[in-house]
């Protein structure tokens, strides 16, 4: 699943989808999707991510 980072507009591939659906988690593991090679994984704040349409993530 891909989301957009609000500040930069970069695509983020979500690795831990279960963290995305867990309302008690504020972070999730993903990696930037840029270039031809796979990037290293990193933690992202849910508040800084949105759907590709620009809509924010739901709170619950």
N, C-alpha and C. Protein backbone atom coordinates (compact mmCIF):
# COMPACT_ATOMS: atom_id res chain seq x y z
N UNK A 1 0.85 -1.16 0.00
CA UNK A 1 0.00 0.00 0.00
C UNK A 1 0.89 1.23 0.00
N UNK A 2 0.47 2.25 -0.72
CA UNK A 2 1.24 3.48 -0.80
C UNK A 2 0.46 4.64 -0.20
N UNK A 3 1.18 5.50 0.50
CA UNK A 3 0.65 6.74 1.04
C UNK A 3 1.58 7.86 0.62
N UNK A 4 1.15 9.09 0.82
CA UNK A 4 1.95 10.26 0.47
C UNK A 4 2.40 10.97 1.74
N UNK A 5 3.67 11.38 1.76
CA UNK A 5 4.14 12.20 2.87
C UNK A 5 3.68 13.63 2.61
N UNK A 6 3.01 14.23 3.57
CA UNK A 6 2.38 15.54 3.37
C UNK A 6 3.38 16.64 3.05
N UNK A 7 4.50 16.66 3.73
CA UNK A 7 5.44 17.78 3.57
C UNK A 7 6.18 17.74 2.24
N UNK A 8 6.62 16.58 1.84
CA UNK A 8 7.43 16.48 0.62
C UNK A 8 6.65 16.02 -0.60
N UNK A 9 5.53 15.33 -0.38
CA UNK A 9 4.76 14.79 -1.49
C UNK A 9 5.31 13.48 -2.03
N UNK A 10 6.32 12.91 -1.35
CA UNK A 10 6.94 11.65 -1.79
C UNK A 10 6.03 10.47 -1.46
N UNK A 11 6.11 9.44 -2.29
CA UNK A 11 5.37 8.21 -2.04
C UNK A 11 6.08 7.39 -0.99
N UNK A 12 5.30 6.80 -0.09
CA UNK A 12 5.83 5.94 0.96
C UNK A 12 5.13 4.59 0.84
N UNK A 13 5.92 3.53 0.68
CA UNK A 13 5.36 2.19 0.65
C UNK A 13 5.25 1.69 2.08
N UNK A 14 4.05 1.30 2.49
CA UNK A 14 3.81 0.85 3.85
C UNK A 14 4.18 -0.62 3.96
N UNK A 15 5.09 -0.94 4.86
CA UNK A 15 5.53 -2.31 5.07
C UNK A 15 4.68 -2.98 6.15
N UNK A 16 4.42 -2.26 7.23
CA UNK A 16 3.65 -2.82 8.35
C UNK A 16 2.20 -2.34 8.26
N UNK A 17 1.42 -2.99 7.43
CA UNK A 17 0.02 -2.58 7.23
C UNK A 17 -0.78 -2.75 8.52
N UNK A 18 -0.43 -3.71 9.35
CA UNK A 18 -1.15 -3.89 10.61
C UNK A 18 -1.01 -2.66 11.51
N UNK A 19 0.14 -2.00 11.49
CA UNK A 19 0.33 -0.77 12.27
C UNK A 19 -0.55 0.36 11.73
N UNK A 20 -0.80 0.35 10.44
CA UNK A 20 -1.65 1.36 9.82
C UNK A 20 -3.07 1.26 10.35
N UNK A 21 -3.57 0.05 10.53
CA UNK A 21 -4.94 -0.16 10.97
C UNK A 21 -5.10 -0.11 12.49
N UNK A 22 -4.01 -0.12 13.23
CA UNK A 22 -4.06 -0.09 14.68
C UNK A 22 -4.19 1.36 15.16
N UNK A 23 -5.33 1.74 15.78
CA UNK A 23 -5.52 3.13 16.19
C UNK A 23 -4.63 3.57 17.35
N UNK A 24 -4.00 2.63 18.04
CA UNK A 24 -3.14 2.97 19.17
C UNK A 24 -1.70 3.22 18.75
N UNK A 25 -1.36 2.92 17.52
CA UNK A 25 -0.01 3.16 17.00
C UNK A 25 0.05 4.53 16.35
N UNK A 26 1.06 5.30 16.69
CA UNK A 26 1.24 6.62 16.07
C UNK A 26 2.28 6.58 14.96
N UNK A 27 3.04 5.49 14.89
CA UNK A 27 4.08 5.33 13.87
C UNK A 27 3.85 4.04 13.10
N UNK A 28 4.42 3.99 11.92
CA UNK A 28 4.40 2.75 11.15
C UNK A 28 5.69 2.64 10.37
N UNK A 29 5.99 1.43 9.92
CA UNK A 29 7.24 1.17 9.19
C UNK A 29 6.94 1.21 7.70
N UNK A 30 7.77 1.95 6.99
CA UNK A 30 7.61 2.06 5.54
C UNK A 30 8.93 2.43 4.91
N UNK A 31 8.89 2.67 3.61
CA UNK A 31 10.10 3.11 2.91
C UNK A 31 9.69 4.00 1.75
N UNK A 32 10.55 4.95 1.44
CA UNK A 32 10.31 5.85 0.32
C UNK A 32 10.32 5.06 -0.97
N UNK A 33 9.47 5.43 -1.89
CA UNK A 33 9.41 4.79 -3.19
C UNK A 33 9.91 5.79 -4.23
N UNK A 34 11.22 5.91 -4.33
CA UNK A 34 11.80 6.81 -5.31
C UNK A 34 13.07 6.16 -5.87
N UNK A 35 13.29 6.34 -7.12
CA UNK A 35 14.45 5.72 -7.76
C UNK A 35 14.15 4.29 -8.14
N UNK A 36 15.14 3.63 -8.70
CA UNK A 36 14.96 2.26 -9.18
C UNK A 36 15.26 1.22 -8.12
N UNK A 37 16.08 1.55 -7.14
CA UNK A 37 16.44 0.59 -6.10
C UNK A 37 15.55 0.78 -4.88
N UNK A 38 15.28 -0.32 -4.19
CA UNK A 38 14.47 -0.26 -2.97
C UNK A 38 15.24 0.51 -1.89
N UNK A 39 14.56 1.41 -1.24
CA UNK A 39 15.16 2.20 -0.17
C UNK A 39 15.08 1.43 1.13
N UNK A 40 15.86 1.84 2.10
CA UNK A 40 15.81 1.22 3.42
C UNK A 40 14.54 1.60 4.16
N UNK A 41 14.12 0.75 5.08
CA UNK A 41 12.89 1.03 5.82
C UNK A 41 13.15 2.07 6.90
N UNK A 42 12.08 2.77 7.27
CA UNK A 42 12.16 3.83 8.26
C UNK A 42 10.81 3.93 8.96
N UNK A 43 10.77 4.63 10.09
CA UNK A 43 9.51 4.84 10.80
C UNK A 43 8.92 6.18 10.37
N UNK A 44 7.60 6.20 10.18
CA UNK A 44 6.89 7.40 9.76
C UNK A 44 5.76 7.69 10.73
N UNK A 45 5.56 8.95 11.06
CA UNK A 45 4.44 9.36 11.89
C UNK A 45 3.17 9.33 11.04
N UNK A 46 2.11 8.73 11.57
CA UNK A 46 0.85 8.66 10.83
C UNK A 46 0.31 10.06 10.53
N UNK A 47 0.52 10.99 11.43
CA UNK A 47 0.00 12.35 11.26
C UNK A 47 0.61 13.04 10.05
N UNK A 48 1.77 12.58 9.60
CA UNK A 48 2.45 13.20 8.47
C UNK A 48 2.18 12.50 7.14
N UNK A 49 1.26 11.53 7.16
CA UNK A 49 0.94 10.77 5.95
C UNK A 49 -0.50 11.02 5.53
N UNK A 50 -0.77 10.86 4.24
CA UNK A 50 -2.13 10.98 3.72
C UNK A 50 -2.30 10.00 2.58
N UNK A 51 -3.55 9.78 2.18
CA UNK A 51 -3.82 8.93 1.03
C UNK A 51 -3.34 9.65 -0.23
N UNK A 52 -3.22 8.92 -1.33
CA UNK A 52 -2.76 9.50 -2.58
C UNK A 52 -3.69 10.61 -3.08
N UNK A 53 -4.95 10.55 -2.70
CA UNK A 53 -5.92 11.58 -3.09
C UNK A 53 -5.74 12.88 -2.31
N UNK A 54 -4.92 12.85 -1.25
CA UNK A 54 -4.72 14.02 -0.41
C UNK A 54 -5.56 14.00 0.86
N UNK A 55 -6.44 13.02 0.96
CA UNK A 55 -7.30 12.88 2.14
C UNK A 55 -6.47 12.34 3.31
N UNK A 56 -6.68 12.90 4.49
CA UNK A 56 -5.95 12.45 5.67
C UNK A 56 -6.39 11.08 6.14
N UNK A 57 -5.56 10.45 6.96
CA UNK A 57 -5.91 9.15 7.52
C UNK A 57 -6.96 9.31 8.60
N UNK A 58 -7.90 8.39 8.73
CA UNK A 58 -8.90 8.49 9.81
C UNK A 58 -8.25 8.25 11.17
N UNK A 59 -8.83 8.81 12.19
CA UNK A 59 -8.29 8.68 13.54
C UNK A 59 -8.62 7.33 14.17
N UNK A 60 -9.72 6.73 13.81
CA UNK A 60 -10.11 5.47 14.43
C UNK A 60 -10.17 4.36 13.40
